Each structure stands twice: as structure tokens, then as C-alpha cells.
Amino acid sequence: MIKSVHNQILENYFKRAIDSYHSCIKQEENSCLFNEIAIFATDTQLELNSIKFLYNDMRSANYVIEVRLNLLSKESNVGYYTLILNEEDEALDDYLVFN
């Protein structure tokens, strides 16, 4: 039972990152992002990569959650998208990195 609860939480983090990625690439101001790698955003596939809980230090109760998705094309891994959430699951930042 506990494992299925944990899996659902992790799936929710990945779903949130996927939704955030799609929202990011649909914004008019970001329409030129994929020009850097000469492929269309619609030609990329998302691969679940990792979820990290990052603490400021060992004594701190403060942390952020980093959810990372790989961006794949037919030829190769073209980069990754990362969504950063705070302890209350509010989006703090996101970024898209091309290889």
C-alpha cells in the first residue's frame, strides 16, 4: 500500500512537469526555442528522468523538488527540461537545456 502511494506521488510530479513543459513551449515568447537545434518541438518525445529532493543543508527542513524530463528526437537525446517546486508544490522555476 505504501509503495503504491509513493508511486502515485512520483507520477503526479512527472505529470506536473510534463504539463509545465507543454505550457512552456506553447508560449509565444518561447516559440524560437527549438530553432537552436533545428527540430520542431512536436518532433521531440519526453522521457521521465529523475525527481530529486534537494535540501539547503543537513539541519534544514527547507527543500526544493527538481523534476527532470529528457527530450529525445529520432536521432538522439537533444536536451532536458527541469521543473523546480518548493515545499508547498508551487512552481519556482523551470528551464530547458539543449545538448
Protein backbone atom coordinates (compact mmCIF):
# COMPACT_ATOMS: atom_id res chain seq x y z
CA MET A 1 0.00 0.00 0.00
CA ILE A 2 2.74 2.49 0.93
CA LYS A 3 4.64 1.76 -2.28
CA SER A 4 1.56 2.47 -4.41
CA VAL A 5 1.03 5.78 -2.56
CA HIS A 6 4.66 6.74 -3.20
CA ASN A 7 4.37 5.73 -6.87
CA GLN A 8 1.27 7.92 -7.24
CA ILE A 9 3.09 10.90 -5.71
CA LEU A 10 6.02 10.42 -8.09
CA GLU A 11 3.69 10.03 -11.07
CA ASN A 12 1.98 13.28 -10.07
CA TYR A 13 5.32 15.11 -10.03
CA PHE A 14 6.16 13.80 -13.50
CA LYS A 15 2.70 14.69 -14.82
CA ARG A 16 3.09 18.20 -13.45
CA ALA A 17 6.48 18.56 -15.17
CA ILE A 18 5.05 17.27 -18.47
CA ASP A 19 2.16 19.73 -18.28
CA SER A 20 4.57 22.53 -17.42
CA TYR A 21 6.84 21.63 -20.36
CA HIS A 22 3.91 21.73 -22.80
CA SER A 23 2.78 25.05 -21.36
CA CYS A 24 6.32 26.42 -21.70
CA ILE A 25 6.78 25.51 -25.36
CA LYS A 26 3.32 26.82 -26.32
CA GLN A 27 4.04 30.33 -25.07
CA GLU A 28 4.51 32.81 -27.92
CA GLU A 29 7.65 34.25 -26.33
CA ASN A 30 9.27 30.79 -26.38
CA SER A 31 8.40 29.99 -29.99
CA CYS A 32 12.02 30.33 -31.11
CA LEU A 33 13.50 27.91 -28.54
CA PHE A 34 13.71 24.92 -30.83
CA ASN A 35 15.34 26.95 -33.63
CA GLU A 36 18.62 26.40 -31.76
CA ILE A 37 18.60 22.68 -32.50
CA ALA A 38 16.83 22.75 -35.89
CA ILE A 39 13.96 20.43 -34.93
CA PHE A 40 10.31 21.08 -34.14
CA ALA A 41 9.04 20.87 -30.58
CA THR A 42 6.42 18.40 -31.82
CA ASP A 43 9.21 16.09 -33.03
CA THR A 44 10.53 15.56 -29.51
CA GLN A 45 9.46 12.86 -27.10
CA LEU A 46 9.63 13.14 -23.34
CA GLU A 47 11.35 10.54 -21.19
CA LEU A 48 10.96 10.52 -17.41
CA ASN A 49 14.40 11.05 -15.89
CA SER A 50 14.50 11.88 -12.18
CA ILE A 51 12.94 13.52 -9.15
CA LYS A 52 15.30 14.99 -6.57
CA PHE A 53 14.57 16.44 -3.17
CA LEU A 54 17.32 18.99 -2.55
CA TYR A 55 17.93 20.33 0.96
CA ASN A 56 19.86 23.51 1.80
CA ASP A 57 21.92 21.61 4.36
CA MET A 58 21.63 18.60 6.67
CA ARG A 59 19.98 20.55 9.50
CA SER A 60 17.46 22.34 7.34
CA ALA A 61 13.85 21.36 6.86
CA ASN A 62 13.70 23.52 3.71
CA TYR A 63 13.97 21.79 0.37
CA VAL A 64 13.06 22.08 -3.29
CA ILE A 65 11.88 19.37 -5.64
CA GLU A 66 13.60 19.08 -9.01
CA VAL A 67 11.71 17.09 -11.66
CA ARG A 68 13.68 16.35 -14.84
CA LEU A 69 12.48 15.11 -18.22
CA ASN A 70 14.75 14.10 -21.10
CA LEU A 71 13.98 15.45 -24.58
CA LEU A 72 14.52 12.83 -27.26
CA SER A 73 14.38 13.04 -31.04
CA LYS A 74 14.62 10.23 -33.54
CA GLU A 75 18.38 10.65 -33.70
CA SER A 76 19.41 11.31 -30.10
CA ASN A 77 18.92 12.93 -26.75
CA VAL A 78 18.54 16.63 -27.57
CA GLY A 79 18.38 18.01 -24.02
CA TYR A 80 16.23 18.16 -20.93
CA TYR A 81 13.50 20.14 -19.19
CA THR A 82 13.54 20.73 -15.43
CA LEU A 83 10.75 21.99 -13.19
CA ILE A 84 11.64 23.28 -9.71
CA LEU A 85 8.95 23.17 -7.00
CA ASN A 86 9.05 24.40 -3.41
CA GLU A 87 7.89 22.52 -0.31
CA GLU A 88 4.30 23.62 -0.94
CA ASP A 89 4.44 22.24 -4.51
CA GLU A 90 4.45 25.73 -6.01
CA ALA A 91 6.48 26.18 -9.19
CA LEU A 92 9.59 28.27 -8.53
CA ASP A 93 11.40 27.96 -11.85
CA ASP A 94 11.78 25.88 -14.95
CA TYR A 95 14.40 25.62 -17.62
CA LEU A 96 15.06 23.97 -20.94
CA VAL A 97 18.59 22.91 -21.84
CA PHE A 98 19.74 21.67 -25.23
CA ASN A 99 22.80 19.47 -25.71
